[in-house]
Amino acid sequence: MLDERSSALLAAVNECCGDGFKIIDEGELGRLCPSAEGEIGQILDQLEARGLIEMRYKEGGLFCVRALPAGRSYAKQEARERGESVRRKRETALYSALGGFSGAFVAALLVGLAALFLL
């Protein structure tokens, strides 16, 4: 599992490169992924060590990078999981609200019935 900055930088590399190698400067990656600014070289090295990208060279703020199939599939899987997490949170909130409303309705109904029979 990658941290937030690494996954954001991987997504930026996937977006820029497509299938082939591309020369990208550090400023462009910094604009695409502001959270990783200042540590782009280190994060790219980590992504290469994990087999998610391939670098031909890095020199003076320029990187020749290519996204590997494992990196593209990792980014797609992470986006899917993020969407699934959001969906689960929405469902949980909806079911909690419905449960609260139905519980309040039943309680009000019981109080109303008790008031009818006790008066």
N, C-alpha and C. Protein backbone atom coordinates (compact mmCIF):
# COMPACT_ATOMS: atom_id res chain seq x y z
N MET A 1 0.85 -1.17 0.00
CA MET A 1 0.00 0.00 0.00
C MET A 1 0.89 1.23 0.00
N LEU A 2 0.59 2.15 -0.89
CA LEU A 2 1.36 3.38 -0.99
C LEU A 2 0.74 4.47 -0.11
N ASP A 3 1.58 5.40 0.31
CA ASP A 3 1.04 6.53 1.05
C ASP A 3 0.36 7.49 0.06
N GLU A 4 -0.27 8.52 0.60
CA GLU A 4 -1.06 9.43 -0.21
C GLU A 4 -0.23 10.15 -1.27
N ARG A 5 0.96 10.63 -0.88
CA ARG A 5 1.80 11.35 -1.83
C ARG A 5 2.29 10.45 -2.96
N SER A 6 2.68 9.23 -2.60
CA SER A 6 3.18 8.30 -3.62
C SER A 6 2.08 7.92 -4.60
N SER A 7 0.89 7.66 -4.10
CA SER A 7 -0.19 7.29 -5.00
C SER A 7 -0.61 8.46 -5.88
N ALA A 8 -0.56 9.68 -5.34
CA ALA A 8 -0.88 10.86 -6.15
C ALA A 8 0.16 11.06 -7.25
N LEU A 9 1.44 10.85 -6.91
CA LEU A 9 2.49 10.99 -7.91
C LEU A 9 2.40 9.89 -8.96
N LEU A 10 2.06 8.68 -8.55
CA LEU A 10 1.87 7.59 -9.50
C LEU A 10 0.73 7.91 -10.46
N ALA A 11 -0.35 8.47 -9.95
CA ALA A 11 -1.46 8.87 -10.81
C ALA A 11 -1.03 9.95 -11.79
N ALA A 12 -0.20 10.89 -11.34
CA ALA A 12 0.30 11.95 -12.22
C ALA A 12 1.19 11.37 -13.32
N VAL A 13 2.04 10.42 -12.97
CA VAL A 13 2.90 9.78 -13.96
C VAL A 13 2.06 9.01 -14.96
N ASN A 14 1.05 8.28 -14.48
CA ASN A 14 0.16 7.55 -15.38
C ASN A 14 -0.54 8.49 -16.34
N GLU A 15 -0.96 9.63 -15.83
CA GLU A 15 -1.66 10.62 -16.65
C GLU A 15 -0.75 11.21 -17.72
N CYS A 16 0.49 11.50 -17.36
CA CYS A 16 1.42 12.15 -18.28
C CYS A 16 1.98 11.20 -19.34
N CYS A 17 2.31 9.99 -18.93
CA CYS A 17 3.12 9.12 -19.78
C CYS A 17 2.34 8.28 -20.77
N GLY A 18 1.19 7.83 -20.40
CA GLY A 18 0.50 6.88 -21.27
C GLY A 18 1.25 5.56 -21.28
N ASP A 19 1.59 5.04 -22.46
CA ASP A 19 2.26 3.75 -22.57
C ASP A 19 3.76 3.84 -22.72
N GLY A 20 4.28 4.96 -23.17
CA GLY A 20 5.72 5.05 -23.46
C GLY A 20 6.46 5.94 -22.48
N PHE A 21 7.77 6.07 -22.75
CA PHE A 21 8.60 6.94 -21.94
C PHE A 21 8.29 8.39 -22.25
N LYS A 22 8.40 9.24 -21.25
CA LYS A 22 8.20 10.67 -21.43
C LYS A 22 9.16 11.41 -20.52
N ILE A 23 9.70 12.48 -21.03
CA ILE A 23 10.58 13.33 -20.22
C ILE A 23 9.70 14.37 -19.53
N ILE A 24 9.78 14.36 -18.21
CA ILE A 24 8.95 15.25 -17.39
C ILE A 24 9.88 16.01 -16.46
N ASP A 25 9.64 17.30 -16.33
CA ASP A 25 10.46 18.05 -15.37
C ASP A 25 9.77 18.06 -14.01
N GLU A 26 10.57 18.36 -13.02
CA GLU A 26 10.09 18.33 -11.64
C GLU A 26 8.97 19.34 -11.39
N GLY A 27 9.03 20.47 -12.08
CA GLY A 27 8.00 21.48 -11.92
C GLY A 27 6.64 21.01 -12.41
N GLU A 28 6.63 20.29 -13.53
CA GLU A 28 5.36 19.77 -14.06
C GLU A 28 4.76 18.75 -13.11
N LEU A 29 5.59 17.86 -12.59
CA LEU A 29 5.09 16.88 -11.62
C LEU A 29 4.65 17.57 -10.33
N GLY A 30 5.34 18.65 -9.96
CA GLY A 30 4.95 19.42 -8.77
C GLY A 30 3.59 20.07 -8.93
N ARG A 31 3.29 20.54 -10.16
CA ARG A 31 1.97 21.13 -10.41
C ARG A 31 0.88 20.07 -10.39
N LEU A 32 1.18 18.89 -10.93
CA LEU A 32 0.19 17.81 -10.97
C LEU A 32 -0.01 17.17 -9.60
N CYS A 33 1.04 17.21 -8.78
CA CYS A 33 0.98 16.57 -7.47
C CYS A 33 1.64 17.48 -6.43
N PRO A 34 0.95 18.53 -5.98
CA PRO A 34 1.55 19.49 -5.06
C PRO A 34 1.95 18.89 -3.71
N SER A 35 1.31 17.82 -3.30
CA SER A 35 1.63 17.23 -1.99
C SER A 35 3.01 16.60 -1.98
N ALA A 36 3.53 16.22 -3.15
CA ALA A 36 4.83 15.55 -3.22
C ALA A 36 5.96 16.51 -3.57
N GLU A 37 5.66 17.77 -3.72
CA GLU A 37 6.67 18.74 -4.14
C GLU A 37 7.84 18.76 -3.16
N GLY A 38 9.03 18.73 -3.70
CA GLY A 38 10.24 18.73 -2.89
C GLY A 38 10.80 17.34 -2.66
N GLU A 39 9.99 16.32 -2.80
CA GLU A 39 10.44 14.94 -2.59
C GLU A 39 10.13 14.06 -3.80
N ILE A 40 9.98 14.68 -4.95
CA ILE A 40 9.56 13.95 -6.15
C ILE A 40 10.58 12.89 -6.54
N GLY A 41 11.87 13.24 -6.52
CA GLY A 41 12.90 12.28 -6.89
C GLY A 41 12.91 11.05 -6.00
N GLN A 42 12.77 11.26 -4.70
CA GLN A 42 12.76 10.13 -3.76
C GLN A 42 11.53 9.25 -3.97
N ILE A 43 10.39 9.87 -4.18
CA ILE A 43 9.17 9.09 -4.36
C ILE A 43 9.23 8.31 -5.66
N LEU A 44 9.78 8.92 -6.72
CA LEU A 44 9.92 8.19 -7.98
C LEU A 44 10.86 7.00 -7.81
N ASP A 45 11.92 7.17 -7.04
CA ASP A 45 12.82 6.04 -6.76
C ASP A 45 12.07 4.91 -6.05
N GLN A 46 11.23 5.26 -5.09
CA GLN A 46 10.45 4.24 -4.37
C GLN A 46 9.48 3.53 -5.30
N LEU A 47 8.83 4.30 -6.18
CA LEU A 47 7.89 3.70 -7.13
C LEU A 47 8.61 2.77 -8.10
N GLU A 48 9.82 3.15 -8.49
CA GLU A 48 10.60 2.29 -9.38
C GLU A 48 11.03 1.02 -8.65
N ALA A 49 11.41 1.14 -7.38
CA ALA A 49 11.82 -0.03 -6.60
C ALA A 49 10.66 -1.01 -6.42
N ARG A 50 9.44 -0.51 -6.37
CA ARG A 50 8.26 -1.38 -6.23
C ARG A 50 7.79 -1.96 -7.56
N GLY A 51 8.43 -1.53 -8.66
CA GLY A 51 8.07 -2.06 -9.98
C GLY A 51 6.83 -1.44 -10.57
N LEU A 52 6.50 -0.21 -10.16
CA LEU A 52 5.31 0.45 -10.66
C LEU A 52 5.62 1.39 -11.82
N ILE A 53 6.85 1.91 -11.86
CA ILE A 53 7.31 2.76 -12.97
C ILE A 53 8.70 2.32 -13.37
N GLU A 54 9.16 2.84 -14.50
CA GLU A 54 10.54 2.62 -14.93
C GLU A 54 11.14 3.97 -15.29
N MET A 55 12.36 4.21 -14.81
CA MET A 55 13.06 5.45 -15.12
C MET A 55 14.32 5.12 -15.91
N ARG A 56 14.49 5.83 -17.03
CA ARG A 56 15.74 5.68 -17.78
C ARG A 56 16.83 6.55 -17.16
N TYR A 57 16.45 7.77 -16.82
CA TYR A 57 17.42 8.65 -16.16
C TYR A 57 16.69 9.73 -15.38
N LYS A 58 17.44 10.30 -14.44
CA LYS A 58 16.98 11.49 -13.73
C LYS A 58 18.19 12.38 -13.56
N GLU A 59 18.02 13.61 -14.01
CA GLU A 59 19.17 14.51 -14.01
C GLU A 59 18.68 15.95 -13.96
N GLY A 60 19.12 16.67 -12.98
CA GLY A 60 18.84 18.10 -12.88
C GLY A 60 17.35 18.45 -12.91
N GLY A 61 16.53 17.67 -12.27
CA GLY A 61 15.10 17.97 -12.23
C GLY A 61 14.33 17.43 -13.42
N LEU A 62 15.00 16.71 -14.33
CA LEU A 62 14.32 16.06 -15.45
C LEU A 62 14.30 14.56 -15.22
N PHE A 63 13.19 13.96 -15.54
CA PHE A 63 13.03 12.52 -15.35
C PHE A 63 12.49 11.93 -16.64
N CYS A 64 13.08 10.84 -17.09
CA CYS A 64 12.56 10.08 -18.21
C CYS A 64 11.85 8.88 -17.60
N VAL A 65 10.52 8.92 -17.63
CA VAL A 65 9.71 7.98 -16.86
C VAL A 65 8.72 7.28 -17.78
N ARG A 66 8.41 6.06 -17.41
CA ARG A 66 7.36 5.29 -18.09
C ARG A 66 6.56 4.56 -17.02
N ALA A 67 5.24 4.58 -17.18
CA ALA A 67 4.37 3.85 -16.26
C ALA A 67 4.30 2.39 -16.71
N LEU A 68 4.56 1.49 -15.79
CA LEU A 68 4.48 0.06 -16.08
C LEU A 68 3.04 -0.42 -15.90
N PRO A 69 2.70 -1.56 -16.50
CA PRO A 69 1.33 -2.07 -16.35
C PRO A 69 0.92 -2.27 -14.88
N ALA A 70 1.87 -2.67 -14.05
CA ALA A 70 1.55 -2.85 -12.62
C ALA A 70 1.17 -1.52 -11.98
N GLY A 71 1.83 -0.44 -12.38
CA GLY A 71 1.51 0.88 -11.85
C GLY A 71 0.15 1.37 -12.30
N ARG A 72 -0.19 1.12 -13.57
CA ARG A 72 -1.50 1.52 -14.06
C ARG A 72 -2.61 0.73 -13.37
N SER A 73 -2.41 -0.57 -13.22
CA SER A 73 -3.45 -1.37 -12.57
C SER A 73 -3.57 -1.02 -11.09
N TYR A 74 -2.44 -0.70 -10.43
CA TYR A 74 -2.49 -0.29 -9.02
C TYR A 74 -3.32 0.99 -8.88
N ALA A 75 -3.10 1.95 -9.77
CA ALA A 75 -3.83 3.21 -9.69
C ALA A 75 -5.31 2.99 -9.94
N LYS A 76 -5.67 2.13 -10.89
CA LYS A 76 -7.07 1.84 -11.16
C LYS A 76 -7.73 1.16 -9.97
N GLN A 77 -7.03 0.21 -9.38
CA GLN A 77 -7.56 -0.51 -8.21
C GLN A 77 -7.77 0.44 -7.03
N GLU A 78 -6.82 1.34 -6.84
CA GLU A 78 -6.94 2.30 -5.74
C GLU A 78 -8.11 3.25 -5.96
N ALA A 79 -8.32 3.69 -7.19
CA ALA A 79 -9.46 4.56 -7.48
C ALA A 79 -10.77 3.82 -7.24
N ARG A 80 -10.82 2.54 -7.62
CA ARG A 80 -12.01 1.74 -7.39
C ARG A 80 -12.29 1.60 -5.90
N GLU A 81 -11.24 1.34 -5.11
CA GLU A 81 -11.40 1.18 -3.67
C GLU A 81 -11.85 2.49 -3.02
N ARG A 82 -11.32 3.61 -3.51
CA ARG A 82 -11.72 4.90 -2.97
C ARG A 82 -13.21 5.16 -3.24
N GLY A 83 -13.66 4.83 -4.45
CA GLY A 83 -15.08 4.99 -4.77
C GLY A 83 -15.95 4.07 -3.94
N GLU A 84 -15.47 2.85 -3.72
CA GLU A 84 -16.21 1.89 -2.89
C GLU A 84 -16.32 2.39 -1.45
N SER A 85 -15.27 2.99 -0.94
CA SER A 85 -15.27 3.51 0.43
C SER A 85 -16.28 4.65 0.57
N VAL A 86 -16.32 5.53 -0.42
CA VAL A 86 -17.28 6.64 -0.39
C VAL A 86 -18.70 6.09 -0.44
N ARG A 87 -18.94 5.09 -1.29
CA ARG A 87 -20.27 4.50 -1.40
C ARG A 87 -20.69 3.86 -0.07
N ARG A 88 -19.76 3.15 0.58
CA ARG A 88 -20.09 2.53 1.86
C ARG A 88 -20.42 3.57 2.92
N LYS A 89 -19.70 4.68 2.94
CA LYS A 89 -19.98 5.73 3.92
C LYS A 89 -21.36 6.33 3.69
N ARG A 90 -21.72 6.54 2.42
CA ARG A 90 -23.05 7.07 2.11
C ARG A 90 -24.14 6.10 2.55
N GLU A 91 -23.94 4.83 2.24
CA GLU A 91 -24.93 3.83 2.64
C GLU A 91 -25.08 3.76 4.15
N THR A 92 -23.97 3.82 4.86
CA THR A 92 -24.01 3.77 6.32
C THR A 92 -24.78 4.97 6.88
N ALA A 93 -24.52 6.14 6.33
CA ALA A 93 -25.23 7.34 6.79
C ALA A 93 -26.73 7.23 6.49
N LEU A 94 -27.06 6.73 5.31
CA LEU A 94 -28.46 6.58 4.94
C LEU A 94 -29.17 5.59 5.85
N TYR A 95 -28.57 4.43 6.06
CA TYR A 95 -29.20 3.42 6.93
C TYR A 95 -29.30 3.89 8.37
N SER A 96 -28.32 4.63 8.84
CA SER A 96 -28.38 5.18 10.20
C SER A 96 -29.53 6.16 10.34
N ALA A 97 -29.68 7.03 9.34
CA ALA A 97 -30.76 8.01 9.39
C ALA A 97 -32.12 7.32 9.34
N LEU A 98 -32.25 6.34 8.44
CA LEU A 98 -33.52 5.61 8.34
C LEU A 98 -33.83 4.86 9.63
N GLY A 99 -32.82 4.27 10.23
CA GLY A 99 -33.03 3.58 11.51
C GLY A 99 -33.44 4.53 12.60
N GLY A 100 -32.82 5.69 12.64
CA GLY A 100 -33.18 6.69 13.65
C GLY A 100 -34.61 7.19 13.48
N PHE A 101 -34.98 7.47 12.21
CA PHE A 101 -36.34 7.95 11.95
C PHE A 101 -37.38 6.87 12.27
N SER A 102 -37.13 5.64 11.89
CA SER A 102 -38.11 4.58 12.16
C SER A 102 -38.21 4.30 13.66
N GLY A 103 -37.11 4.37 14.37
CA GLY A 103 -37.14 4.19 15.82
C GLY A 103 -37.93 5.30 16.50
N ALA A 104 -37.73 6.54 16.04
CA ALA A 104 -38.48 7.67 16.61
C ALA A 104 -39.97 7.54 16.30
N PHE A 105 -40.29 7.07 15.09
CA PHE A 105 -41.70 6.89 14.72
C PHE A 105 -42.36 5.83 15.59
N VAL A 106 -41.69 4.71 15.80
CA VAL A 106 -42.24 3.64 16.64
C VAL A 106 -42.41 4.12 18.08
N ALA A 107 -41.42 4.85 18.57
CA ALA A 107 -41.51 5.37 19.95
C ALA A 107 -42.68 6.34 20.07
N ALA A 108 -42.86 7.24 19.09
CA ALA A 108 -43.97 8.19 19.14
C ALA A 108 -45.31 7.45 19.04
N LEU A 109 -45.36 6.42 18.21
CA LEU A 109 -46.57 5.62 18.09
C LEU A 109 -46.93 4.93 19.41
N LEU A 110 -45.94 4.37 20.08
CA LEU A 110 -46.17 3.70 21.36
C LEU A 110 -46.62 4.69 22.44
N VAL A 111 -46.02 5.86 22.45
CA VAL A 111 -46.42 6.87 23.42
C VAL A 111 -47.86 7.32 23.14
N GLY A 112 -48.18 7.48 21.87
CA GLY A 112 -49.55 7.88 21.51
C GLY A 112 -50.56 6.82 21.90
N LEU A 113 -50.25 5.54 21.66
CA LEU A 113 -51.15 4.46 22.06
C LEU A 113 -51.28 4.37 23.58
N ALA A 114 -50.19 4.54 24.27
CA ALA A 114 -50.23 4.50 25.73
C ALA A 114 -51.09 5.64 26.27
N ALA A 115 -50.99 6.80 25.64
CA ALA A 115 -51.79 7.96 26.08
C ALA A 115 -53.28 7.71 25.83
N LEU A 116 -53.63 7.04 24.74
CA LEU A 116 -55.04 6.74 24.43
C LEU A 116 -55.63 5.78 25.44
N PHE A 117 -54.88 4.75 25.78
CA PHE A 117 -55.42 3.71 26.68
C PHE A 117 -55.35 4.09 28.16
N LEU A 118 -54.48 4.98 28.51
CA LEU A 118 -54.35 5.36 29.90
C LEU A 118 -55.24 6.54 30.28
N LEU A 119 -55.75 7.24 29.31
CA LEU A 119 -56.61 8.39 29.63
C LEU A 119 -58.02 8.04 29.69
